[in-house]
Amino acid sequence: MASGALGAIALGSLLVRKPFTLGVARQSMPREAWDNPLFLRTNMIISAVWAASFVVACIGLAALAHGSAFGRVVVQAAAFAVPLIFTMRYVDHVRSRARAQRTATA
């Protein structure tokens, strides 16, 4: 149920265009970047990946409700590990691309 609730919260944050990752992202970015459309777009994409992961985990955990405890642990771990790895790599990708664009226009 917790994964389903997290998925619903994440999806709701996307619907109102206030991705739930903004709070954490703002801690690592200067205030002047917060209104940048790329910053919002990046967080929308990252939040969508987290939302999808939570929803898939909810479905997987429901399917394994009477199955092995090990399977449930794997699903729960993957529900956080996969989007976490995606987030780190995607942020690096976006930053690298932004740096390359700044260098090309300088």
C-alpha atoms as a PDB file:
ATOM      1  CA  MET A   1       0.000   0.000   0.000  1.00  0.00           C
ATOM      2  CA  ALA A   2       2.864   2.402   0.765  1.00  0.00           C
ATOM      3  CA  SER A   3       4.236   2.069  -2.758  1.00  0.00           C
ATOM      4  CA  GLY A   4       0.784   2.789  -4.155  1.00  0.00           C
ATOM      5  CA  ALA A   5       0.443   5.870  -1.959  1.00  0.00           C
ATOM      6  CA  LEU A   6       3.873   7.120  -3.019  1.00  0.00           C
ATOM      7  CA  GLY A   7       2.943   6.501  -6.651  1.00  0.00           C
ATOM      8  CA  ALA A   8      -0.289   8.455  -6.252  1.00  0.00           C
ATOM      9  CA  ILE A   9       1.533  11.349  -4.573  1.00  0.00           C
ATOM     10  CA  ALA A  10       4.178  11.406  -7.301  1.00  0.00           C
ATOM     11  CA  LEU A  11       1.562  11.289 -10.067  1.00  0.00           C
ATOM     12  CA  GLY A  12      -0.455  14.026  -8.390  1.00  0.00           C
ATOM     13  CA  SER A  13       2.624  16.226  -8.135  1.00  0.00           C
ATOM     14  CA  LEU A  14       3.140  15.815 -11.880  1.00  0.00           C
ATOM     15  CA  LEU A  15      -0.467  16.709 -12.641  1.00  0.00           C
ATOM     16  CA  VAL A  16      -0.135  20.027 -10.809  1.00  0.00           C
ATOM     17  CA  ARG A  17       3.328  20.601 -12.359  1.00  0.00           C
ATOM     18  CA  LYS A  18       5.028  20.636  -8.952  1.00  0.00           C
ATOM     19  CA  PRO A  19       7.144  17.469  -9.185  1.00  0.00           C
ATOM     20  CA  PHE A  20       7.829  16.014  -5.787  1.00  0.00           C
ATOM     21  CA  THR A  21      11.584  15.973  -6.484  1.00  0.00           C
ATOM     22  CA  LEU A  22      11.773  19.785  -6.507  1.00  0.00           C
ATOM     23  CA  GLY A  23      12.473  20.051  -2.776  1.00  0.00           C
ATOM     24  CA  VAL A  24      15.550  17.870  -2.943  1.00  0.00           C
ATOM     25  CA  ALA A  25      16.695  19.322  -6.279  1.00  0.00           C
ATOM     26  CA  ARG A  26      16.518  22.881  -4.966  1.00  0.00           C
ATOM     27  CA  GLN A  27      18.939  21.983  -2.174  1.00  0.00           C
ATOM     28  CA  SER A  28      21.659  21.278  -4.742  1.00  0.00           C
ATOM     29  CA  MET A  29      20.960  24.147  -7.143  1.00  0.00           C
ATOM     30  CA  PRO A  30      21.301  27.917  -6.784  1.00  0.00           C
ATOM     31  CA  ARG A  31      18.050  29.833  -6.411  1.00  0.00           C
ATOM     32  CA  GLU A  32      18.435  31.488  -9.841  1.00  0.00           C
ATOM     33  CA  ALA A  33      18.167  28.036 -11.493  1.00  0.00           C
ATOM     34  CA  TRP A  34      14.812  27.228  -9.896  1.00  0.00           C
ATOM     35  CA  ASP A  35      12.767  29.120 -12.501  1.00  0.00           C
ATOM     36  CA  ASN A  36      14.690  27.698 -15.447  1.00  0.00           C
ATOM     37  CA  PRO A  37      12.372  25.618 -17.682  1.00  0.00           C
ATOM     38  CA  LEU A  38      15.090  22.964 -17.985  1.00  0.00           C
ATOM     39  CA  PHE A  39      15.179  22.599 -14.200  1.00  0.00           C
ATOM     40  CA  LEU A  40      11.408  22.012 -14.094  1.00  0.00           C
ATOM     41  CA  ARG A  41      11.493  19.671 -17.101  1.00  0.00           C
ATOM     42  CA  THR A  42      14.320  17.647 -15.568  1.00  0.00           C
ATOM     43  CA  ASN A  43      12.367  17.270 -12.334  1.00  0.00           C
ATOM     44  CA  MET A  44       9.193  16.341 -14.191  1.00  0.00           C
ATOM     45  CA  ILE A  45      11.072  13.520 -15.936  1.00  0.00           C
ATOM     46  CA  ILE A  46      12.757  12.329 -12.747  1.00  0.00           C
ATOM     47  CA  SER A  47       9.467  12.427 -10.821  1.00  0.00           C
ATOM     48  CA  ALA A  48       7.754  10.484 -13.614  1.00  0.00           C
ATOM     49  CA  VAL A  49      10.377   7.741 -13.339  1.00  0.00           C
ATOM     50  CA  TRP A  50       9.916   7.597  -9.559  1.00  0.00           C
ATOM     51  CA  ALA A  51       6.123   7.514  -9.977  1.00  0.00           C
ATOM     52  CA  ALA A  52       6.334   4.676 -12.489  1.00  0.00           C
ATOM     53  CA  SER A  53       8.659   2.755 -10.190  1.00  0.00           C
ATOM     54  CA  PHE A  54       6.298   3.138  -7.233  1.00  0.00           C
ATOM     55  CA  VAL A  55       3.294   2.016  -9.293  1.00  0.00           C
ATOM     56  CA  VAL A  56       5.162  -0.996 -10.703  1.00  0.00           C
ATOM     57  CA  ALA A  57       6.341  -1.872  -7.179  1.00  0.00           C
ATOM     58  CA  CYS A  58       2.775  -1.659  -5.868  1.00  0.00           C
ATOM     59  CA  ILE A  59       1.579  -4.029  -8.562  1.00  0.00           C
ATOM     60  CA  GLY A  60       4.530  -6.360  -8.032  1.00  0.00           C
ATOM     61  CA  LEU A  61       4.083  -6.404  -4.267  1.00  0.00           C
ATOM     62  CA  ALA A  62       0.367  -7.067  -4.630  1.00  0.00           C
ATOM     63  CA  ALA A  63       1.139  -9.987  -6.942  1.00  0.00           C
ATOM     64  CA  LEU A  64       3.660 -11.329  -4.430  1.00  0.00           C
ATOM     65  CA  ALA A  65       1.491 -10.743  -1.353  1.00  0.00           C
ATOM     66  CA  HIS A  66       1.299 -14.448  -0.666  1.00  0.00           C
ATOM     67  CA  GLY A  67       4.629 -15.289  -2.292  1.00  0.00           C
ATOM     68  CA  SER A  68       8.177 -15.342  -1.070  1.00  0.00           C
ATOM     69  CA  ALA A  69       9.458 -12.720   1.326  1.00  0.00           C
ATOM     70  CA  PHE A  70      12.659 -12.589  -0.715  1.00  0.00           C
ATOM     71  CA  GLY A  71      10.677 -11.617  -3.830  1.00  0.00           C
ATOM     72  CA  ARG A  72       8.975  -8.790  -1.958  1.00  0.00           C
ATOM     73  CA  VAL A  73      12.317  -7.508  -0.670  1.00  0.00           C
ATOM     74  CA  VAL A  74      13.746  -7.560  -4.199  1.00  0.00           C
ATOM     75  CA  VAL A  75      10.764  -5.627  -5.556  1.00  0.00           C
ATOM     76  CA  GLN A  76      10.967  -3.047  -2.768  1.00  0.00           C
ATOM     77  CA  ALA A  77      14.723  -2.604  -3.187  1.00  0.00           C
ATOM     78  CA  ALA A  78      14.405  -2.289  -6.961  1.00  0.00           C
ATOM     79  CA  ALA A  79      11.609   0.271  -6.563  1.00  0.00           C
ATOM     80  CA  PHE A  80      14.125   2.610  -4.947  1.00  0.00           C
ATOM     81  CA  ALA A  81      17.395   1.531  -6.566  1.00  0.00           C
ATOM     82  CA  VAL A  82      16.274   1.806 -10.197  1.00  0.00           C
ATOM     83  CA  PRO A  83      14.916   5.372 -10.021  1.00  0.00           C
ATOM     84  CA  LEU A  84      17.799   6.446  -7.767  1.00  0.00           C
ATOM     85  CA  ILE A  85      20.357   5.267 -10.323  1.00  0.00           C
ATOM     86  CA  PHE A  86      18.318   6.852 -13.122  1.00  0.00           C
ATOM     87  CA  THR A  87      18.174  10.146 -11.196  1.00  0.00           C
ATOM     88  CA  MET A  88      21.937  10.302 -10.668  1.00  0.00           C
ATOM     89  CA  ARG A  89      22.724   9.428 -14.280  1.00  0.00           C
ATOM     90  CA  TYR A  90      20.069  11.683 -15.779  1.00  0.00           C
ATOM     91  CA  VAL A  91      21.154  14.687 -13.714  1.00  0.00           C
ATOM     92  CA  ASP A  92      24.758  14.097 -14.835  1.00  0.00           C
ATOM     93  CA  HIS A  93      23.551  13.855 -18.445  1.00  0.00           C
ATOM     94  CA  VAL A  94      21.539  17.086 -18.241  1.00  0.00           C
ATOM     95  CA  ARG A  95      24.431  18.947 -16.599  1.00  0.00           C
ATOM     96  CA  SER A  96      26.909  17.696 -19.205  1.00  0.00           C
ATOM     97  CA  ARG A  97      24.610  18.727 -22.018  1.00  0.00           C
ATOM     98  CA  ALA A  98      24.080  22.174 -20.503  1.00  0.00           C
ATOM     99  CA  ARG A  99      27.852  22.626 -20.105  1.00  0.00           C
ATOM    100  CA  ALA A 100      28.417  21.588 -23.723  1.00  0.00           C
ATOM    101  CA  GLN A 101      25.792  24.059 -24.924  1.00  0.00           C
ATOM    102  CA  ARG A 102      27.335  26.869 -22.887  1.00  0.00           C
ATOM    103  CA  THR A 103      30.776  26.037 -24.279  1.00  0.00           C
ATOM    104  CA  ALA A 104      29.451  25.924 -27.860  1.00  0.00           C
ATOM    105  CA  THR A 105      27.835  29.365 -27.521  1.00  0.00           C
ATOM    106  CA  ALA A 106      30.807  30.974 -25.755  1.00  0.00           C
END
